[in-house]
Structure formats: structure tokens, C-alpha cells
Amino acid sequence: MPIVTVQQGPRTVELKRELVKQITDAFVRAYAIPADAVQVWIHEVPTDSWGKAGKLTADK
């Protein structure tokens, strides 16, 4: 059973729903497995808890 972990900043429920669907569909096609065998875990990191290029993402 594949488990896919996505680490990202906050997104809307609609975007996460579509992401989970597309990731699941990709594994179903690539591995010829049933959709219920695929798990997708989304870990959202607040923008004040990560940085890029020396700045907090929240400061952009």
C-alpha cells in the first residue's frame, strides 16, 4: 500500500481534494492497484514556520 506524504503551505480544501485525487489516480495507473490501496497524507506548515532565501514565507 503506497503512502504519499506531501509537505506544503496552507491550501484550500478544494485544492487539497484535487491533489489527493490526482495523486491517487497516478498510483492507480502506474501500479495497477485499487484506489483504496493509496493513502495521501498532507502536512501543512504555517507560513510563519518555514523560510526560503533567508526570509520567512509569511514575510513575502
PDB file of N, CA and C in Angstrom:
ATOM      1  N   MET A   1       0.848  -1.171   0.000  1.00  0.00           N
ATOM      2  CA  MET A   1       0.000   0.000   0.000  1.00  0.00           C
ATOM      3  C   MET A   1       0.898   1.240   0.000  1.00  0.00           C
ATOM      4  N   PRO A   2       0.873   2.044  -1.057  1.00  0.00           N
ATOM      5  CA  PRO A   2       1.659   3.270  -1.083  1.00  0.00           C
ATOM      6  C   PRO A   2       1.098   4.318  -0.125  1.00  0.00           C
ATOM      7  N   ILE A   3       2.007   5.002   0.548  1.00  0.00           N
ATOM      8  CA  ILE A   3       1.657   6.156   1.363  1.00  0.00           C
ATOM      9  C   ILE A   3       2.475   7.329   0.831  1.00  0.00           C
ATOM     10  N   VAL A   4       1.786   8.351   0.385  1.00  0.00           N
ATOM     11  CA  VAL A   4       2.433   9.536  -0.168  1.00  0.00           C
ATOM     12  C   VAL A   4       2.301  10.656   0.849  1.00  0.00           C
ATOM     13  N   THR A   5       3.414  11.297   1.174  1.00  0.00           N
ATOM     14  CA  THR A   5       3.398  12.421   2.102  1.00  0.00           C
ATOM     15  C   THR A   5       3.703  13.696   1.348  1.00  0.00           C
ATOM     16  N   VAL A   6       2.837  14.691   1.516  1.00  0.00           N
ATOM     17  CA  VAL A   6       3.003  15.994   0.884  1.00  0.00           C
ATOM     18  C   VAL A   6       3.218  17.015   1.990  1.00  0.00           C
ATOM     19  N   GLN A   7       4.310  17.751   1.900  1.00  0.00           N
ATOM     20  CA  GLN A   7       4.552  18.841   2.841  1.00  0.00           C
ATOM     21  C   GLN A   7       4.399  20.137   2.068  1.00  0.00           C
ATOM     22  N   GLN A   8       3.555  21.019   2.581  1.00  0.00           N
ATOM     23  CA  GLN A   8       3.258  22.250   1.855  1.00  0.00           C
ATOM     24  C   GLN A   8       2.744  23.306   2.802  1.00  0.00           C
ATOM     25  N   GLY A   9       2.643  24.511   2.275  1.00  0.00           N
ATOM     26  CA  GLY A   9       1.984  25.580   2.995  1.00  0.00           C
ATOM     27  C   GLY A   9       0.476  25.396   2.916  1.00  0.00           C
ATOM     28  N   PRO A  10      -0.254  26.189   3.659  1.00  0.00           N
ATOM     29  CA  PRO A  10      -1.704  26.071   3.679  1.00  0.00           C
ATOM     30  C   PRO A  10      -2.332  26.228   2.291  1.00  0.00           C
ATOM     31  N   ARG A  11      -3.301  25.387   2.007  1.00  0.00           N
ATOM     32  CA  ARG A  11      -4.073  25.441   0.772  1.00  0.00           C
ATOM     33  C   ARG A  11      -5.544  25.240   1.117  1.00  0.00           C
ATOM     34  N   THR A  12      -6.419  25.553   0.188  1.00  0.00           N
ATOM     35  CA  THR A  12      -7.852  25.363   0.419  1.00  0.00           C
ATOM     36  C   THR A  12      -8.208  23.879   0.379  1.00  0.00           C
ATOM     37  N   VAL A  13      -9.328  23.549   0.971  1.00  0.00           N
ATOM     38  CA  VAL A  13      -9.808  22.171   0.950  1.00  0.00           C
ATOM     39  C   VAL A  13     -10.033  21.721  -0.492  1.00  0.00           C
ATOM     40  N   GLU A  14     -10.524  22.602  -1.335  1.00  0.00           N
ATOM     41  CA  GLU A  14     -10.773  22.235  -2.730  1.00  0.00           C
ATOM     42  C   GLU A  14      -9.477  21.835  -3.432  1.00  0.00           C
ATOM     43  N   LEU A  15      -8.411  22.606  -3.217  1.00  0.00           N
ATOM     44  CA  LEU A  15      -7.129  22.278  -3.838  1.00  0.00           C
ATOM     45  C   LEU A  15      -6.571  20.966  -3.290  1.00  0.00           C
ATOM     46  N   LYS A  16      -6.689  20.747  -1.982  1.00  0.00           N
ATOM     47  CA  LYS A  16      -6.197  19.502  -1.397  1.00  0.00           C
ATOM     48  C   LYS A  16      -6.995  18.305  -1.891  1.00  0.00           C
ATOM     49  N   ARG A  17      -8.285  18.485  -2.043  1.00  0.00           N
ATOM     50  CA  ARG A  17      -9.134  17.407  -2.554  1.00  0.00           C
ATOM     51  C   ARG A  17      -8.677  16.997  -3.957  1.00  0.00           C
ATOM     52  N   GLU A  18      -8.408  17.991  -4.810  1.00  0.00           N
ATOM     53  CA  GLU A  18      -7.962  17.709  -6.173  1.00  0.00           C
ATOM     54  C   GLU A  18      -6.570  17.071  -6.176  1.00  0.00           C
ATOM     55  N   LEU A  19      -5.687  17.534  -5.320  1.00  0.00           N
ATOM     56  CA  LEU A  19      -4.351  16.953  -5.225  1.00  0.00           C
ATOM     57  C   LEU A  19      -4.418  15.478  -4.841  1.00  0.00           C
ATOM     58  N   VAL A  20      -5.204  15.164  -3.823  1.00  0.00           N
ATOM     59  CA  VAL A  20      -5.350  13.777  -3.378  1.00  0.00           C
ATOM     60  C   VAL A  20      -5.913  12.914  -4.507  1.00  0.00           C
ATOM     61  N   LYS A  21      -6.887  13.435  -5.226  1.00  0.00           N
ATOM     62  CA  LYS A  21      -7.471  12.676  -6.343  1.00  0.00           C
ATOM     63  C   LYS A  21      -6.430  12.399  -7.416  1.00  0.00           C
ATOM     64  N   GLN A  22      -5.675  13.421  -7.802  1.00  0.00           N
ATOM     65  CA  GLN A  22      -4.710  13.242  -8.880  1.00  0.00           C
ATOM     66  C   GLN A  22      -3.544  12.342  -8.475  1.00  0.00           C
ATOM     67  N   ILE A  23      -3.082  12.457  -7.241  1.00  0.00           N
ATOM     68  CA  ILE A  23      -2.022  11.560  -6.773  1.00  0.00           C
ATOM     69  C   ILE A  23      -2.519  10.126  -6.748  1.00  0.00           C
ATOM     70  N   THR A  24      -3.715   9.918  -6.219  1.00  0.00           N
ATOM     71  CA  THR A  24      -4.291   8.572  -6.173  1.00  0.00           C
ATOM     72  C   THR A  24      -4.434   8.003  -7.573  1.00  0.00           C
ATOM     73  N   ASP A  25      -4.985   8.790  -8.493  1.00  0.00           N
ATOM     74  CA  ASP A  25      -5.155   8.331  -9.880  1.00  0.00           C
ATOM     75  C   ASP A  25      -3.819   7.943 -10.512  1.00  0.00           C
ATOM     76  N   ALA A  26      -2.768   8.705 -10.219  1.00  0.00           N
ATOM     77  CA  ALA A  26      -1.448   8.404 -10.779  1.00  0.00           C
ATOM     78  C   ALA A  26      -0.942   7.045 -10.287  1.00  0.00           C
ATOM     79  N   PHE A  27      -1.115   6.749  -9.015  1.00  0.00           N
ATOM     80  CA  PHE A  27      -0.685   5.449  -8.492  1.00  0.00           C
ATOM     81  C   PHE A  27      -1.540   4.310  -9.036  1.00  0.00           C
ATOM     82  N   VAL A  28      -2.823   4.554  -9.183  1.00  0.00           N
ATOM     83  CA  VAL A  28      -3.706   3.530  -9.751  1.00  0.00           C
ATOM     84  C   VAL A  28      -3.238   3.168 -11.159  1.00  0.00           C
ATOM     85  N   ARG A  29      -2.931   4.189 -11.965  1.00  0.00           N
ATOM     86  CA  ARG A  29      -2.463   3.933 -13.339  1.00  0.00           C
ATOM     87  C   ARG A  29      -1.070   3.297 -13.365  1.00  0.00           C
ATOM     88  N   ALA A  30      -0.149   3.847 -12.594  1.00  0.00           N
ATOM     89  CA  ALA A  30       1.243   3.395 -12.656  1.00  0.00           C
ATOM     90  C   ALA A  30       1.443   2.001 -12.070  1.00  0.00           C
ATOM     91  N   TYR A  31       0.750   1.694 -10.981  1.00  0.00           N
ATOM     92  CA  TYR A  31       0.961   0.436 -10.279  1.00  0.00           C
ATOM     93  C   TYR A  31      -0.150  -0.589 -10.487  1.00  0.00           C
ATOM     94  N   ALA A  32      -1.194  -0.188 -11.209  1.00  0.00           N
ATOM     95  CA  ALA A  32      -2.338  -1.074 -11.436  1.00  0.00           C
ATOM     96  C   ALA A  32      -2.872  -1.632 -10.113  1.00  0.00           C
ATOM     97  N   ILE A  33      -3.138  -0.716  -9.180  1.00  0.00           N
ATOM     98  CA  ILE A  33      -3.667  -1.090  -7.878  1.00  0.00           C
ATOM     99  C   ILE A  33      -5.003  -0.372  -7.671  1.00  0.00           C
ATOM    100  N   PRO A  34      -5.825  -0.866  -6.748  1.00  0.00           N
ATOM    101  CA  PRO A  34      -7.084  -0.179  -6.481  1.00  0.00           C
ATOM    102  C   PRO A  34      -6.849   1.135  -5.730  1.00  0.00           C
ATOM    103  N   ALA A  35      -7.727   2.085  -5.943  1.00  0.00           N
ATOM    104  CA  ALA A  35      -7.604   3.392  -5.306  1.00  0.00           C
ATOM    105  C   ALA A  35      -7.592   3.291  -3.780  1.00  0.00           C
ATOM    106  N   ASP A  36      -8.306   2.341  -3.230  1.00  0.00           N
ATOM    107  CA  ASP A  36      -8.348   2.253  -1.766  1.00  0.00           C
ATOM    108  C   ASP A  36      -7.040   1.735  -1.165  1.00  0.00           C
ATOM    109  N   ALA A  37      -6.078   1.377  -1.999  1.00  0.00           N
ATOM    110  CA  ALA A  37      -4.764   0.966  -1.507  1.00  0.00           C
ATOM    111  C   ALA A  37      -3.817   2.151  -1.340  1.00  0.00           C
ATOM    112  N   VAL A  38      -4.221   3.326  -1.810  1.00  0.00           N
ATOM    113  CA  VAL A  38      -3.352   4.506  -1.798  1.00  0.00           C
ATOM    114  C   VAL A  38      -3.762   5.446  -0.668  1.00  0.00           C
ATOM    115  N   GLN A  39      -2.777   5.866   0.118  1.00  0.00           N
ATOM    116  CA  GLN A  39      -3.026   6.860   1.159  1.00  0.00           C
ATOM    117  C   GLN A  39      -2.198   8.097   0.846  1.00  0.00           C
ATOM    118  N   VAL A  40      -2.789   9.257   1.039  1.00  0.00           N
ATOM    119  CA  VAL A  40      -2.086  10.525   0.853  1.00  0.00           C
ATOM    120  C   VAL A  40      -2.203  11.304   2.153  1.00  0.00           C
ATOM    121  N   TRP A  41      -1.051  11.655   2.703  1.00  0.00           N
ATOM    122  CA  TRP A  41      -1.010  12.437   3.941  1.00  0.00           C
ATOM    123  C   TRP A  41      -0.518  13.826   3.600  1.00  0.00           C
ATOM    124  N   ILE A  42      -1.251  14.831   4.007  1.00  0.00           N
ATOM    125  CA  ILE A  42      -0.867  16.212   3.759  1.00  0.00           C
ATOM    126  C   ILE A  42      -0.477  16.853   5.083  1.00  0.00           C
ATOM    127  N   HIS A  43       0.758  17.313   5.138  1.00  0.00           N
ATOM    128  CA  HIS A  43       1.259  18.027   6.315  1.00  0.00           C
ATOM    129  C   HIS A  43       1.385  19.488   5.917  1.00  0.00           C
ATOM    130  N   GLU A  44       0.562  20.319   6.501  1.00  0.00           N
ATOM    131  CA  GLU A  44       0.617  21.744   6.193  1.00  0.00           C
ATOM    132  C   GLU A  44       1.480  22.464   7.226  1.00  0.00           C
ATOM    133  N   VAL A  45       2.379  23.264   6.718  1.00  0.00           N
ATOM    134  CA  VAL A  45       3.281  24.036   7.560  1.00  0.00           C
ATOM    135  C   VAL A  45       2.856  25.501   7.457  1.00  0.00           C
ATOM    136  N   PRO A  46       2.567  26.151   8.574  1.00  0.00           N
ATOM    137  CA  PRO A  46       2.183  27.564   8.521  1.00  0.00           C
ATOM    138  C   PRO A  46       3.307  28.406   7.900  1.00  0.00           C
ATOM    139  N   THR A  47       2.912  29.465   7.229  1.00  0.00           N
ATOM    140  CA  THR A  47       3.904  30.296   6.545  1.00  0.00           C
ATOM    141  C   THR A  47       4.880  30.970   7.496  1.00  0.00           C
ATOM    142  N   ASP A  48       4.539  31.054   8.782  1.00  0.00           N
ATOM    143  CA  ASP A  48       5.490  31.623   9.737  1.00  0.00           C
ATOM    144  C   ASP A  48       6.408  30.561  10.351  1.00  0.00           C
ATOM    145  N   SER A  49       6.327  29.344   9.814  1.00  0.00           N
ATOM    146  CA  SER A  49       7.159  28.255  10.334  1.00  0.00           C
ATOM    147  C   SER A  49       8.112  27.690   9.291  1.00  0.00           C
ATOM    148  N   TRP A  50       8.281  28.388   8.174  1.00  0.00           N
ATOM    149  CA  TRP A  50       9.284  27.960   7.222  1.00  0.00           C
ATOM    150  C   TRP A  50       9.791  29.165   6.462  1.00  0.00           C
ATOM    151  N   GLY A  51      11.004  29.024   5.960  1.00  0.00           N
ATOM    152  CA  GLY A  51      11.611  30.139   5.245  1.00  0.00           C
ATOM    153  C   GLY A  51      12.251  29.709   3.948  1.00  0.00           C
ATOM    154  N   LYS A  52      12.515  30.688   3.108  1.00  0.00           N
ATOM    155  CA  LYS A  52      13.181  30.465   1.829  1.00  0.00           C
ATOM    156  C   LYS A  52      14.020  31.706   1.535  1.00  0.00           C
ATOM    157  N   ALA A  53      15.222  31.484   1.079  1.00  0.00           N
ATOM    158  CA  ALA A  53      16.130  32.578   0.712  1.00  0.00           C
ATOM    159  C   ALA A  53      16.358  33.547   1.877  1.00  0.00           C
ATOM    160  N   GLY A  54      16.398  33.011   3.088  1.00  0.00           N
ATOM    161  CA  GLY A  54      16.702  33.823   4.251  1.00  0.00           C
ATOM    162  C   GLY A  54      15.540  34.602   4.829  1.00  0.00           C
ATOM    163  N   LYS A  55      14.341  34.370   4.332  1.00  0.00           N
ATOM    164  CA  LYS A  55      13.160  35.081   4.839  1.00  0.00           C
ATOM    165  C   LYS A  55      12.039  34.098   5.143  1.00  0.00           C
ATOM    166  N   LEU A  56      11.242  34.443   6.155  1.00  0.00           N
ATOM    167  CA  LEU A  56      10.046  33.643   6.412  1.00  0.00           C
ATOM    168  C   LEU A  56       9.096  33.784   5.236  1.00  0.00           C
ATOM    169  N   THR A  57       8.441  32.707   4.904  1.00  0.00           N
ATOM    170  CA  THR A  57       7.458  32.745   3.824  1.00  0.00           C
ATOM    171  C   THR A  57       6.343  33.732   4.150  1.00  0.00           C
ATOM    172  N   ALA A  58       6.014  33.875   5.425  1.00  0.00           N
ATOM    173  CA  ALA A  58       4.964  34.804   5.848  1.00  0.00           C
ATOM    174  C   ALA A  58       5.319  36.254   5.556  1.00  0.00           C
ATOM    175  N   ASP A  59       6.600  36.554   5.407  1.00  0.00           N
ATOM    176  CA  ASP A  59       7.045  37.929   5.170  1.00  0.00           C
ATOM    177  C   ASP A  59       7.021  38.329   3.710  1.00  0.00           C
ATOM    178  N   LYS A  60       6.635  37.452   2.837  1.00  0.00           N
ATOM    179  CA  LYS A  60       6.620  37.774   1.409  1.00  0.00           C
ATOM    180  C   LYS A  60       5.363  38.494   1.030  1.00  0.00           C
TER     181      LYS A  60
END
